[in-house]
Protein backbone atom coordinates (compact mmCIF):
# COMPACT_ATOMS: atom_id res chain seq x y z
CA UNK A 1 0.00 0.00 0.00
CA UNK A 2 2.86 2.36 0.79
CA UNK A 3 4.12 2.10 -2.82
CA UNK A 4 0.82 3.04 -4.46
CA UNK A 5 1.38 6.04 -6.75
CA UNK A 6 -1.14 8.88 -6.77
CA UNK A 7 -3.48 8.83 -9.71
CA UNK A 8 -2.55 11.13 -12.55
CA UNK A 9 -5.15 13.79 -13.31
CA UNK A 10 -6.63 13.35 -16.77
CA UNK A 11 -7.26 16.31 -19.04
CA UNK A 12 -11.00 15.58 -18.97
CA UNK A 13 -10.97 15.65 -15.16
CA UNK A 14 -8.94 18.87 -15.21
CA UNK A 15 -11.44 20.48 -17.61
CA UNK A 16 -14.30 19.52 -15.33
CA UNK A 17 -12.52 20.87 -12.25
CA UNK A 18 -11.64 24.08 -14.12
CA UNK A 19 -15.28 24.67 -15.01
CA UNK A 20 -16.46 23.92 -11.46
CA UNK A 21 -13.85 26.37 -10.17
CA UNK A 22 -15.06 29.11 -12.51
CA UNK A 23 -18.66 28.61 -11.40
CA UNK A 24 -17.63 28.73 -7.76
CA UNK A 25 -15.70 31.94 -8.41
CA UNK A 26 -18.82 33.61 -9.80
CA UNK A 27 -20.65 32.63 -6.62
CA UNK A 28 -17.79 33.88 -4.42
CA UNK A 29 -17.29 30.40 -2.93
CA UNK A 30 -13.52 30.64 -2.54
CA UNK A 31 -13.14 27.36 -0.65
CA UNK A 32 -14.61 25.51 -3.65
CA UNK A 33 -12.58 27.60 -6.09
CA UNK A 34 -9.33 26.55 -4.44
CA UNK A 35 -10.45 22.93 -4.14
CA UNK A 36 -11.27 22.58 -7.85
CA UNK A 37 -8.57 24.76 -9.39
CA UNK A 38 -5.74 23.20 -7.42
CA UNK A 39 -6.67 19.95 -9.15
CA UNK A 40 -6.90 21.61 -12.57
CA UNK A 41 -3.55 23.33 -11.95
CA UNK A 42 -1.76 19.98 -12.20
CA UNK A 43 -2.66 19.87 -15.90
CA UNK A 44 -2.94 23.59 -16.71
CA UNK A 45 0.03 24.99 -14.81
CA UNK A 46 0.77 27.37 -17.70
CA UNK A 47 -2.75 28.81 -17.85
CA UNK A 48 -2.63 32.43 -16.66
CA UNK A 49 -6.42 32.90 -16.33
CA UNK A 50 -6.47 29.87 -14.04
CA UNK A 51 -3.53 31.32 -12.09
CA UNK A 52 -5.38 34.59 -11.72
CA UNK A 53 -8.51 33.02 -10.26
CA UNK A 54 -6.65 30.49 -8.11
CA UNK A 55 -4.28 33.03 -6.59
CA UNK A 56 -7.21 35.35 -5.87
CA UNK A 57 -9.02 32.48 -4.15
CA UNK A 58 -6.00 31.69 -1.99
CA UNK A 59 -5.75 35.34 -0.97
CA UNK A 60 -9.46 35.45 -0.11
CA UNK A 61 -8.95 32.40 2.09
CA UNK A 62 -6.06 34.06 3.86
CA UNK A 63 -3.65 31.42 2.54
CA UNK A 64 -0.88 33.92 1.92
CA UNK A 65 2.03 31.49 2.04
CA UNK A 66 0.31 29.14 -0.40
CA UNK A 67 -0.50 32.01 -2.75
CA UNK A 68 3.09 33.21 -2.70
CA UNK A 69 4.37 29.66 -3.20
CA UNK A 70 2.10 29.34 -6.22
CA UNK A 71 3.54 32.51 -7.73
CA UNK A 72 7.10 31.42 -7.01
CA UNK A 73 6.50 28.17 -8.87
CA UNK A 74 5.00 30.13 -11.74
CA UNK A 75 8.01 32.44 -11.92
CA UNK A 76 10.29 29.39 -12.02
CA UNK A 77 8.45 28.22 -15.14
CA UNK A 78 7.95 31.62 -16.79
CA UNK A 79 9.77 34.92 -17.03
CA UNK A 80 8.30 37.93 -15.27
CA UNK A 81 5.71 38.84 -17.89
CA UNK A 82 3.25 41.74 -17.48
CA UNK A 83 0.44 39.25 -16.89
CA UNK A 84 2.25 37.50 -14.05
CA UNK A 85 3.43 40.77 -12.48
CA UNK A 86 -0.10 42.17 -12.70
CA UNK A 87 -1.41 39.13 -10.82
CA UNK A 88 1.32 39.49 -8.21
CA UNK A 89 0.52 43.19 -7.78
CA UNK A 90 -3.18 42.47 -7.31
CA UNK A 91 -2.40 39.76 -4.78
CA UNK A 92 -0.08 42.03 -2.82
CA UNK A 93 -2.80 44.69 -2.69
CA UNK A 94 -5.41 42.20 -1.49
CA UNK A 95 -3.02 40.97 1.20
CA UNK A 96 -2.31 44.63 2.21
CA UNK A 97 1.39 44.04 1.56
CA UNK A 98 1.73 47.58 0.26
CA UNK A 99 5.52 47.84 0.30
CA UNK A 100 5.72 44.68 -1.82
CA UNK A 101 2.94 45.95 -4.08
CA UNK A 102 4.83 49.20 -4.70
CA UNK A 103 7.97 47.31 -5.75
CA UNK A 104 6.04 45.00 -8.07
CA UNK A 105 4.03 47.90 -9.48
CA UNK A 106 7.15 49.84 -10.40
CA UNK A 107 8.60 46.81 -12.16
CA UNK A 108 5.31 46.29 -13.97
CA UNK A 109 5.05 49.80 -15.42
CA UNK A 110 8.66 49.52 -16.61
CA UNK A 111 7.92 46.41 -18.67
CA UNK A 112 4.39 47.47 -19.67
CA UNK A 113 3.98 51.27 -19.55
CA UNK A 114 0.95 51.36 -21.86
CA UNK A 115 -1.67 49.79 -19.56
CA UNK A 116 -3.56 52.37 -17.43
CA UNK A 117 -4.72 49.75 -14.93
CA UNK A 118 -1.14 49.15 -13.81
CA UNK A 119 -0.81 52.79 -12.77
CA UNK A 120 -4.13 52.63 -10.93
CA UNK A 121 -2.97 49.64 -8.90
CA UNK A 122 0.45 51.17 -8.24
CA UNK A 123 -1.24 54.36 -7.05
CA UNK A 124 -3.44 52.28 -4.73
CA UNK A 125 -0.31 50.62 -3.36
CA UNK A 126 1.36 53.99 -2.79
CA UNK A 127 -1.77 55.17 -0.99
CA UNK A 128 -1.72 52.10 1.25
CA UNK A 129 1.96 52.74 1.98
CA UNK A 130 1.07 56.37 2.82
CA UNK A 131 3.37 57.63 0.04
CA UNK A 132 0.83 60.24 -1.05
CA UNK A 133 3.23 62.69 -2.68
CA UNK A 134 4.80 59.94 -4.78
CA UNK A 135 1.41 58.67 -5.89
CA UNK A 136 0.11 62.11 -6.82
CA UNK A 137 3.30 63.01 -8.70
CA UNK A 138 3.14 59.78 -10.68
CA UNK A 139 -0.50 60.32 -11.64
CA UNK A 140 0.14 63.93 -12.65
CA UNK A 141 2.70 62.60 -15.11
CA UNK A 142 0.57 59.67 -16.30
CA UNK A 143 -2.90 61.19 -16.70
CA UNK A 144 -1.87 63.29 -19.75
CA UNK A 145 -1.05 59.95 -21.41
CA UNK A 146 -4.50 58.52 -20.58
CA UNK A 147 -6.76 61.54 -19.95
CA UNK A 148 -9.97 59.62 -20.63
CA UNK A 149 -9.39 56.82 -18.10
CA UNK A 150 -11.88 57.32 -15.27
CA UNK A 151 -10.05 55.08 -12.81
CA UNK A 152 -6.93 57.24 -12.87
CA UNK A 153 -8.90 60.33 -11.83
CA UNK A 154 -10.66 58.33 -9.13
CA UNK A 155 -7.46 57.05 -7.52
CA UNK A 156 -5.94 60.53 -7.80
CA UNK A 157 -8.92 61.86 -5.85
CA UNK A 158 -8.37 59.24 -3.17
CA UNK A 159 -4.71 60.20 -2.78
CA UNK A 160 -5.51 63.92 -2.68
CA UNK A 161 -8.16 63.30 -0.03
CA UNK A 162 -5.67 61.42 2.13
CA UNK A 163 -3.08 64.19 1.81
CA UNK A 164 -5.09 67.40 1.48
CA UNK A 165 -8.56 66.64 2.81
CA UNK A 166 -12.06 66.06 1.50
CA UNK A 167 -12.79 69.32 -0.29
CA UNK A 168 -9.60 69.19 -2.36
CA UNK A 169 -10.49 65.75 -3.71
CA UNK A 170 -13.98 66.43 -5.05
CA UNK A 171 -12.98 67.80 -8.46
CA UNK A 172 -11.11 64.60 -9.30
CA UNK A 173 -14.05 62.37 -8.37
CA UNK A 174 -16.37 64.55 -10.46
CA UNK A 175 -14.06 64.18 -13.46
CA UNK A 176 -13.93 60.41 -12.95
CA UNK A 177 -17.73 60.28 -12.99
CA UNK A 178 -17.92 62.53 -16.07
CA UNK A 179 -15.66 60.13 -17.94
CA UNK A 180 -17.52 57.04 -16.71
CA UNK A 181 -21.00 57.68 -15.27
CA UNK A 182 -21.11 54.01 -14.19
CA UNK A 183 -18.00 54.15 -12.01
CA UNK A 184 -19.62 53.33 -8.67
CA UNK A 185 -16.30 53.59 -6.84
CA UNK A 186 -16.02 57.23 -7.85
CA UNK A 187 -19.56 57.88 -6.62
CA UNK A 188 -18.72 56.17 -3.33
CA UNK A 189 -15.53 58.17 -2.91
CA UNK A 190 -17.30 61.42 -3.77
CA UNK A 191 -19.94 60.63 -1.17
CA UNK A 192 -17.20 60.03 1.37
CA UNK A 193 -15.74 63.45 0.58
CA UNK A 194 -19.07 65.29 0.80
CA UNK A 195 -20.02 66.73 4.18
CA UNK A 196 -23.48 68.03 3.26
CA UNK A 197 -25.54 65.02 4.26
CA UNK A 198 -28.41 65.62 1.82
CA UNK A 199 -25.94 65.81 -1.10
CA UNK A 200 -24.04 62.86 0.27
CA UNK A 201 -27.20 60.77 0.41
CA UNK A 202 -28.05 61.69 -3.19
CA UNK A 203 -24.56 60.74 -4.41
CA UNK A 204 -24.34 57.43 -2.58
CA UNK A 205 -27.81 56.48 -3.79
CA UNK A 206 -26.38 56.57 -7.32
CA UNK A 207 -23.58 54.21 -6.29
CA UNK A 208 -26.12 51.82 -4.78
CA UNK A 209 -28.15 51.86 -7.99
CA UNK A 210 -25.03 50.89 -9.93
CA UNK A 211 -23.88 48.17 -7.48
CA UNK A 212 -26.87 47.21 -5.31
CA UNK A 213 -25.19 44.07 -3.92
CA UNK A 214 -21.94 45.74 -2.93
CA UNK A 215 -22.04 46.35 0.85
CA UNK A 216 -19.71 49.36 0.99
CA UNK A 217 -22.03 52.01 -0.56
CA UNK A 218 -24.80 50.79 1.74
CA UNK A 219 -22.54 51.40 4.74
CA UNK A 220 -21.69 54.91 3.58
CA UNK A 221 -25.43 55.47 3.23
CA UNK A 222 -25.99 54.13 6.74
CA UNK A 223 -23.67 56.72 8.28
CA UNK A 224 -25.24 59.42 6.14
CA UNK A 225 -28.73 58.49 7.35
CA UNK A 226 -27.46 58.41 10.95
CA UNK A 227 -26.28 61.99 10.54
CA UNK A 228 -29.71 62.90 9.16
CA UNK A 229 -31.57 61.26 12.03
CA UNK A 230 -33.36 58.76 9.79
CA UNK A 231 -32.44 55.98 12.16
CA UNK A 232 -34.80 53.18 11.12
CA UNK A 233 -33.45 53.36 7.56
CA UNK A 234 -29.90 53.90 8.80
CA UNK A 235 -29.71 50.75 10.87
CA UNK A 236 -31.30 48.69 8.12
CA UNK A 237 -28.41 49.78 5.88
CA UNK A 238 -25.95 49.25 8.73
CA UNK A 239 -26.69 45.52 8.60
CA UNK A 240 -24.43 45.40 5.54
CA UNK A 241 -21.47 45.58 7.95
CA UNK A 242 -22.07 41.86 8.53
CA UNK A 243 -22.07 40.98 4.82
CA UNK A 244 -19.63 38.08 4.28
CA UNK A 245 -18.72 39.41 0.82
CA UNK A 246 -16.83 42.33 2.36
CA UNK A 247 -13.04 42.36 2.19
CA UNK A 248 -11.16 40.01 4.46
CA UNK A 249 -11.13 41.16 8.05
CA UNK A 250 -14.08 43.54 7.63
CA UNK A 251 -16.96 41.28 8.60
CA UNK A 252 -17.56 38.99 11.53
CA UNK A 253 -19.09 35.51 11.69
CA UNK A 254 -20.59 34.17 14.92
CA UNK A 255 -20.20 30.51 15.83
CA UNK A 256 -23.38 30.28 17.91
CA UNK A 257 -26.45 28.82 16.22
CA UNK A 258 -29.05 30.97 17.97
CA UNK A 259 -31.59 32.45 15.52
CA UNK A 260 -31.58 36.19 14.90
CA UNK A 261 -34.15 38.13 16.90
CA UNK A 262 -37.08 39.00 14.64
CA UNK A 263 -38.19 41.98 16.70
CA UNK A 264 -41.13 40.21 18.33
CA UNK A 265 -41.97 40.68 22.01
CA UNK A 266 -39.28 39.62 24.46
CA UNK A 267 -41.79 38.87 27.20
CA UNK A 268 -41.06 35.37 28.50
CA UNK A 269 -38.14 35.02 26.05
CA UNK A 270 -34.38 34.74 26.41
CA UNK A 271 -32.07 36.97 24.37
CA UNK A 272 -28.32 36.92 23.77
CA UNK A 273 -26.70 40.23 22.79
CA UNK A 274 -23.38 39.64 21.06
CA UNK A 275 -20.45 42.03 21.10
CA UNK A 276 -18.83 43.15 17.88
CA UNK A 277 -16.25 45.55 16.47
CA UNK A 278 -14.04 47.25 19.07
CA UNK A 279 -14.41 47.76 22.79
CA UNK A 280 -15.40 51.39 22.30
CA UNK A 281 -18.28 50.34 20.07
CA UNK A 282 -19.54 47.82 22.63
CA UNK A 283 -19.59 50.54 25.27
CA UNK A 284 -21.14 53.11 22.92
CA UNK A 285 -24.12 50.86 22.11
CA UNK A 286 -24.51 49.60 25.69
CA UNK A 287 -27.35 52.06 26.56
CA UNK A 288 -29.67 49.76 24.59
CA UNK A 289 -28.82 46.89 26.94
CA UNK A 290 -30.97 48.56 29.58
CA UNK A 291 -33.97 48.28 27.27
CA UNK A 292 -33.64 44.57 26.50
CA UNK A 293 -32.59 43.80 30.09
CA UNK A 294 -35.93 45.18 31.24
CA UNK A 295 -37.98 43.38 28.59
CA UNK A 296 -36.45 39.90 28.27
CA UNK A 297 -37.10 37.04 30.66
CA UNK A 298 -33.35 36.39 30.70
CA UNK A 299 -30.59 38.41 29.07
CA UNK A 300 -27.27 36.90 28.01
CA UNK A 301 -24.46 39.31 27.12
CA UNK A 302 -21.40 38.13 25.21
CA UNK A 303 -18.82 40.89 25.41
CA UNK A 304 -15.17 41.89 25.33
CA UNK A 305 -13.43 40.11 28.25
CA UNK A 306 -12.36 43.47 29.71
CA UNK A 307 -16.03 44.46 30.06
CA UNK A 308 -17.41 41.34 31.75
CA UNK A 309 -17.23 42.59 35.35
CA UNK A 310 -18.51 46.03 34.33
CA UNK A 311 -21.58 44.72 32.51
CA UNK A 312 -22.23 42.18 35.27
CA UNK A 313 -22.30 44.97 37.86
CA UNK A 314 -24.75 47.01 35.77
CA UNK A 315 -26.97 44.05 34.88
CA UNK A 316 -26.77 41.76 37.93
CA UNK A 317 -29.42 39.30 36.77
CA UNK A 318 -27.97 38.91 33.29
CA UNK A 319 -25.55 36.17 32.33
CA UNK A 320 -22.43 37.99 31.16
CA UNK A 321 -19.71 36.01 29.41
CA UNK A 322 -16.58 36.81 27.46
CA UNK A 323 -16.29 36.41 23.75
CA UNK A 324 -13.29 34.91 21.95
CA UNK A 325 -12.13 35.85 18.47
CA UNK A 326 -10.25 33.70 15.99
CA UNK A 327 -9.00 34.49 12.52
CA UNK A 328 -8.79 31.58 10.09
CA UNK A 329 -8.16 31.73 6.35
CA UNK A 330 -8.73 35.46 6.47
CA UNK A 331 -12.17 35.19 8.09
CA UNK A 332 -12.97 36.41 11.60
CA UNK A 333 -14.98 34.10 13.84
CA UNK A 334 -16.38 35.09 17.21
CA UNK A 335 -17.49 32.59 19.81
CA UNK A 336 -18.88 32.78 23.34
CA UNK A 337 -17.26 29.71 24.94
CA UNK A 338 -19.04 29.65 28.30
CA UNK A 339 -22.47 30.16 26.77
CA UNK A 340 -21.91 27.83 23.83
CA UNK A 341 -20.54 25.05 26.05
CA UNK A 342 -23.63 25.38 28.24
CA UNK A 343 -25.81 25.08 25.13
CA UNK A 344 -23.90 22.01 23.96
CA UNK A 345 -23.38 20.20 27.27
CA UNK A 346 -26.04 21.43 29.68
CA UNK A 347 -29.07 21.85 27.46
CA UNK A 348 -29.16 25.65 27.68
CA UNK A 349 -31.66 27.05 25.18
CA UNK A 350 -31.71 30.68 24.06
CA UNK A 351 -34.58 32.00 21.96
CA UNK A 352 -32.94 34.86 20.12
CA UNK A 353 -29.61 36.55 19.47
CA UNK A 354 -28.70 39.98 18.13
CA UNK A 355 -25.43 41.89 17.57
CA UNK A 356 -25.19 44.84 19.94
CA UNK A 357 -24.86 47.47 17.19
CA UNK A 358 -28.11 46.22 15.63
CA UNK A 359 -30.18 47.04 18.72
CA UNK A 360 -30.97 50.65 17.70
CA UNK A 361 -32.75 49.32 14.61
CA UNK A 362 -35.39 47.73 16.85
CA UNK A 363 -36.09 50.80 18.98
CA UNK A 364 -35.12 54.03 17.22
CA UNK A 365 -37.06 55.78 14.46
CA UNK A 366 -35.39 59.13 15.07
CA UNK A 367 -33.30 61.01 17.65
CA UNK A 368 -36.39 61.62 19.76
CA UNK A 369 -36.37 57.90 20.62
CA UNK A 370 -32.88 57.98 22.15
CA UNK A 371 -33.03 57.82 25.92
CA UNK A 372 -31.02 60.25 28.05
CA UNK A 373 -28.72 58.94 30.79
CA UNK A 374 -27.64 62.02 32.78
CA UNK A 375 -26.12 59.79 35.47
CA UNK A 376 -24.58 57.37 33.00
CA UNK A 377 -25.53 53.88 31.92
CA UNK A 378 -22.50 52.09 33.42
CA UNK A 379 -20.77 52.53 36.77
CA UNK A 380 -17.33 52.31 38.32
CA UNK A 381 -16.38 49.91 41.08
CA UNK A 382 -16.90 51.93 44.27
CA UNK A 383 -13.96 50.54 46.23
CA UNK A 384 -11.56 51.02 43.33
CA UNK A 385 -12.89 54.52 42.69
CA UNK A 386 -12.22 55.39 46.34
CA UNK A 387 -8.60 54.25 45.96
CA UNK A 388 -8.05 56.44 42.92
CA UNK A 389 -9.81 59.38 44.56
CA UNK A 390 -6.91 59.66 47.01
CA UNK A 391 -4.27 59.48 44.28
CA UNK A 392 -6.02 62.05 42.12
CA UNK A 393 -6.62 64.46 44.99
CA UNK A 394 -2.94 64.27 45.91
CA UNK A 395 -1.73 65.12 42.42
CA UNK A 396 -2.55 68.82 42.56
CA UNK A 397 -5.07 71.58 43.16
CA UNK A 398 -8.00 72.80 41.10
CA UNK A 399 -10.02 71.00 38.47
CA UNK A 400 -8.99 67.45 37.64
CA UNK A 401 -9.10 66.91 33.88
CA UNK A 402 -8.31 63.78 31.88
CA UNK A 403 -7.01 64.13 28.33
CA UNK A 404 -6.71 61.87 25.30
CA UNK A 405 -5.15 63.26 22.14
CA UNK A 406 -4.92 60.31 19.79
CA UNK A 407 -5.83 56.68 19.18
CA UNK A 408 -3.48 53.74 19.00
CA UNK A 409 -4.24 53.57 15.26
CA UNK A 410 -3.17 56.77 13.53
CA UNK A 411 -2.60 55.55 9.98
CA UNK A 412 -3.84 57.23 6.82
CA UNK A 413 -6.78 59.59 6.95
CA UNK A 414 -7.37 58.74 10.63
CA UNK A 415 -4.47 61.08 11.46
CA UNK A 416 -6.77 64.02 10.74
CA UNK A 417 -8.99 63.05 13.67
CA UNK A 418 -6.23 63.37 16.27
CA UNK A 419 -4.13 66.06 17.89
CA UNK A 420 -0.68 66.47 19.39
CA UNK A 421 0.23 67.78 22.83
CA UNK A 422 1.68 70.86 21.15
CA UNK A 423 -1.68 71.61 19.55
CA UNK A 424 -3.33 71.24 22.97
CA UNK A 425 -0.85 73.63 24.60
CA UNK A 426 -3.30 76.59 24.95
CA UNK A 427 -5.59 74.27 26.93
CA UNK A 428 -2.84 72.60 28.94
CA UNK A 429 -1.41 75.98 29.96
CA UNK A 430 -4.64 76.82 31.83
CA UNK A 431 -3.91 77.69 35.46
CA UNK A 432 -5.90 76.01 38.20
CA UNK A 433 -6.16 72.68 36.39
CA UNK A 434 -4.36 69.39 37.04
CA UNK A 435 -4.20 67.23 33.92
CA UNK A 436 -4.05 63.45 33.70
CA UNK A 437 -3.18 61.33 30.67
CA UNK A 438 -5.81 58.71 29.84
CA UNK A 439 -3.88 57.42 26.81
CA UNK A 440 -3.81 53.64 26.64
CA UNK A 441 -0.52 53.61 24.73
CA UNK A 442 2.89 54.23 26.29
CA UNK A 443 3.44 58.00 26.16
CA UNK A 444 5.96 58.37 28.99
CA UNK A 445 8.78 59.81 26.87
CA UNK A 446 6.37 62.12 25.07
CA UNK A 447 5.07 63.51 28.37
CA UNK A 448 8.60 63.97 29.75
CA UNK A 449 9.67 65.90 26.66
CA UNK A 450 6.56 68.07 26.84
CA UNK A 451 7.15 68.86 30.52
CA UNK A 452 10.80 69.71 29.87
CA UNK A 453 9.83 72.03 27.00
CA UNK A 454 6.87 73.80 28.60
CA UNK A 455 7.06 73.15 32.34
CA UNK A 456 3.62 71.55 32.35
CA UNK A 457 3.24 68.21 34.09
CA UNK A 458 0.63 65.76 32.85
CA UNK A 459 0.12 63.06 35.46
CA UNK A 460 -0.07 59.35 34.73
CA UNK A 461 -1.12 56.36 36.80
CA UNK A 462 1.91 54.21 37.49
CA UNK A 463 1.26 50.50 37.50
CA UNK A 464 -2.10 50.81 35.73
CA UNK A 465 -2.51 49.07 32.38
CA UNK A 466 -4.82 51.63 30.78
CA UNK A 467 -5.38 49.47 27.72
CA UNK A 468 -6.45 46.29 29.46
CA UNK A 469 -7.78 47.42 32.84
CA UNK A 470 -11.06 49.09 31.95
CA UNK A 471 -12.22 48.87 35.56
CA UNK A 472 -9.32 51.16 36.45
CA UNK A 473 -10.25 53.50 33.60
CA UNK A 474 -13.77 53.90 34.95
CA UNK A 475 -12.58 54.28 38.55
CA UNK A 476 -10.19 57.05 37.50
CA UNK A 477 -12.74 58.85 35.34
CA UNK A 478 -15.34 58.74 38.10
CA UNK A 479 -13.06 61.09 40.07
CA UNK A 480 -12.37 63.61 37.30
CA UNK A 481 -14.21 66.87 36.75
CA UNK A 482 -13.85 66.59 32.98
CA UNK A 483 -12.53 64.30 30.26
CA UNK A 484 -11.64 65.89 26.93
CA UNK A 485 -9.85 65.13 23.69
CA UNK A 486 -10.05 63.21 20.45
CA UNK A 487 -12.96 60.82 19.81
CA UNK A 488 -11.48 57.57 21.14
CA UNK A 489 -12.53 54.70 23.39
CA UNK A 490 -11.51 56.43 26.65
CA UNK A 491 -13.99 59.22 25.95
CA UNK A 492 -16.69 56.60 25.39
CA UNK A 493 -15.81 55.13 28.79
CA UNK A 494 -16.12 58.54 30.44
CA UNK A 495 -19.45 59.24 28.75
CA UNK A 496 -20.81 55.87 29.88
CA UNK A 497 -20.39 57.02 33.49
CA UNK A 498 -22.26 60.26 32.86
CA UNK A 499 -19.01 62.21 33.29
CA UNK A 500 -18.65 65.64 31.71
CA UNK A 501 -17.10 64.72 28.35
CA UNK A 502 -15.88 67.08 25.62
CA UNK A 503 -15.13 65.62 22.19
CA UNK A 504 -12.77 67.52 19.88
CA UNK A 505 -13.75 66.54 16.32
CA UNK A 506 -13.33 67.54 12.71
CA UNK A 507 -17.12 67.75 12.54
CA UNK A 508 -20.04 66.43 14.54
CA UNK A 509 -19.81 62.61 14.44
CA UNK A 510 -22.24 60.15 12.90
CA UNK A 511 -23.08 58.88 16.37
CA UNK A 512 -24.88 62.11 17.19
CA UNK A 513 -27.70 60.23 15.37
CA UNK A 514 -29.31 63.39 14.01
CA UNK A 515 -29.56 65.15 17.37
CA UNK A 516 -28.82 68.86 16.94
CA UNK A 517 -27.97 69.76 20.52
CA UNK A 518 -24.19 69.92 19.97
CA UNK A 519 -23.83 66.82 22.15
CA UNK A 520 -24.87 63.17 22.24
CA UNK A 521 -28.57 62.85 23.06
CA UNK A 522 -27.84 60.40 25.89
CA UNK A 523 -25.38 62.70 27.71
CA UNK A 524 -26.70 66.16 28.70
CA UNK A 525 -23.28 67.20 30.04
CA UNK A 526 -21.43 66.17 26.87
CA UNK A 527 -20.32 68.57 24.14
CA UNK A 528 -18.73 68.54 20.67
CA UNK A 529 -16.03 71.07 19.75
CA UNK A 530 -15.61 71.02 15.96
CA UNK A 531 -13.30 72.59 13.40
CA UNK A 532 -16.11 74.50 11.71
CA UNK A 533 -15.47 75.46 8.10
CA UNK A 534 -11.68 75.14 8.17
CA UNK A 535 -11.02 71.42 7.92
CA UNK A 536 -7.68 70.19 9.20
CA UNK A 537 -7.18 73.24 11.43
CA UNK A 538 -7.48 72.59 15.15
CA UNK A 539 -7.18 76.25 16.20
CA UNK A 540 -10.94 76.77 16.59
CA UNK A 541 -11.77 73.72 18.72
CA UNK A 542 -8.65 74.25 20.84
CA UNK A 543 -9.58 77.88 21.47
CA UNK A 544 -13.22 76.97 22.14
CA UNK A 545 -12.21 74.31 24.67
CA UNK A 546 -9.76 76.73 26.31
CA UNK A 547 -12.56 79.29 26.71
CA UNK A 548 -15.06 76.69 27.96
CA UNK A 549 -12.52 75.42 30.47
CA UNK A 550 -11.99 78.97 31.73
CA UNK A 551 -15.75 79.33 32.14
CA UNK A 552 -15.87 76.07 34.07
CA UNK A 553 -13.15 77.36 36.40
CA UNK A 554 -15.01 80.64 36.92
CA UNK A 555 -18.19 78.75 37.75
CA UNK A 556 -16.34 77.05 40.58
């Protein structure tokens, strides 16, 4: 038996597998694509269309090493032709290997400078690598060669938006649409650049008409409708965030088999609310937990492990359990081990399940339906808060203010949402205020340099893991007079307590949900400080916060 040779694949079998693979590709079934085309590859190893589809399938499955191995074998059999380099470039883009994609793209345009699509992909790679100047310079040189190619204008607009802001990019998206009125990507990008929500809605509606099954325009529309306060429609569109056809790593699959809640009465029923996205999102949507906690016979909450004790304290009769996340073949799976083991081994039955960010769709028609929580909807541990009260009181006199100036992720366009300590200097120089850093990244050296330069000390909490110890975060914030800064998770934590929270934003965020009070509807003591008409300039919000802080001091 050990000497039995594997059966050789016949050409007829290879043809059949090739056809099955092509059909699976049309359906987006990448597991089946790989299964069938790997068989066909044994006969058709020189077939570039097969290579294209197979390599794409391997990328979609997260099988990066296998995809690269496939290309290496191909390059051993063939010279680096434009077709092979184009496939490699596309694969590198899909795998977000932007530095590799840039290198391949530059080789590709050297050997085939007459194909506009190569420049589009290279520009996308340069954008991903945050080499905006290089990408824009290249396109300025290339577009005169291909002035009628819509995709070149579209990718130029994307690069300009990343470097110079939304308004500067619009003309390029308009030109892309003029050249190709069916370019849904250009419509989507133009909608992303537009700040007037009525115009934005009109633009993204055109993109949806062109590509009704593509989830991304629907998500842009969801945020637009949230801004407009059309919340029932907004959260219907927001369901597209769960669409499995989204790019790898953008959607989440749950392993539990509990049916989705259909919106029927929860009286006498059990409901599991499942956490999703980041920890800040779970906290931001937690006000709705109070509603289902009151209505369901039994509430199960599957949440970020760092939130288990916090949610259990707020909802003592709920079953609160951690979730676990696993990435496999490029897909993200989320499980709730304690709950799912109880279902499997102990006969636990749960009637319904719902993702936490879907809850507003069941209860909100408009901003008038959003409940206010002037005293917060979560609470700090009292004993821990008492411990931190002593430390905070001993740090200095006057108002105690927590600050956050940036997120842990400051890549690309996200940089525009954050500040530096130097930009906050007019606020931090305010007399009669003791400031505390609530950053969850290590900023010790940054704070030391700032103190040496300006003589202003920003206190930290030695021995506290601000990223992982959310109980400590809440206990600290419960003792502060104010938390201010960039829109990040720590500000969501402060707001959940009902603490005075001031967000410094480019513009009012989508999660104002159409409420025009200059604050979140749920938090009467919250406030937005925006850039106004001058995007990218933090002078106005910094000066407005400085003045508001002075008023707070005067009020005693």
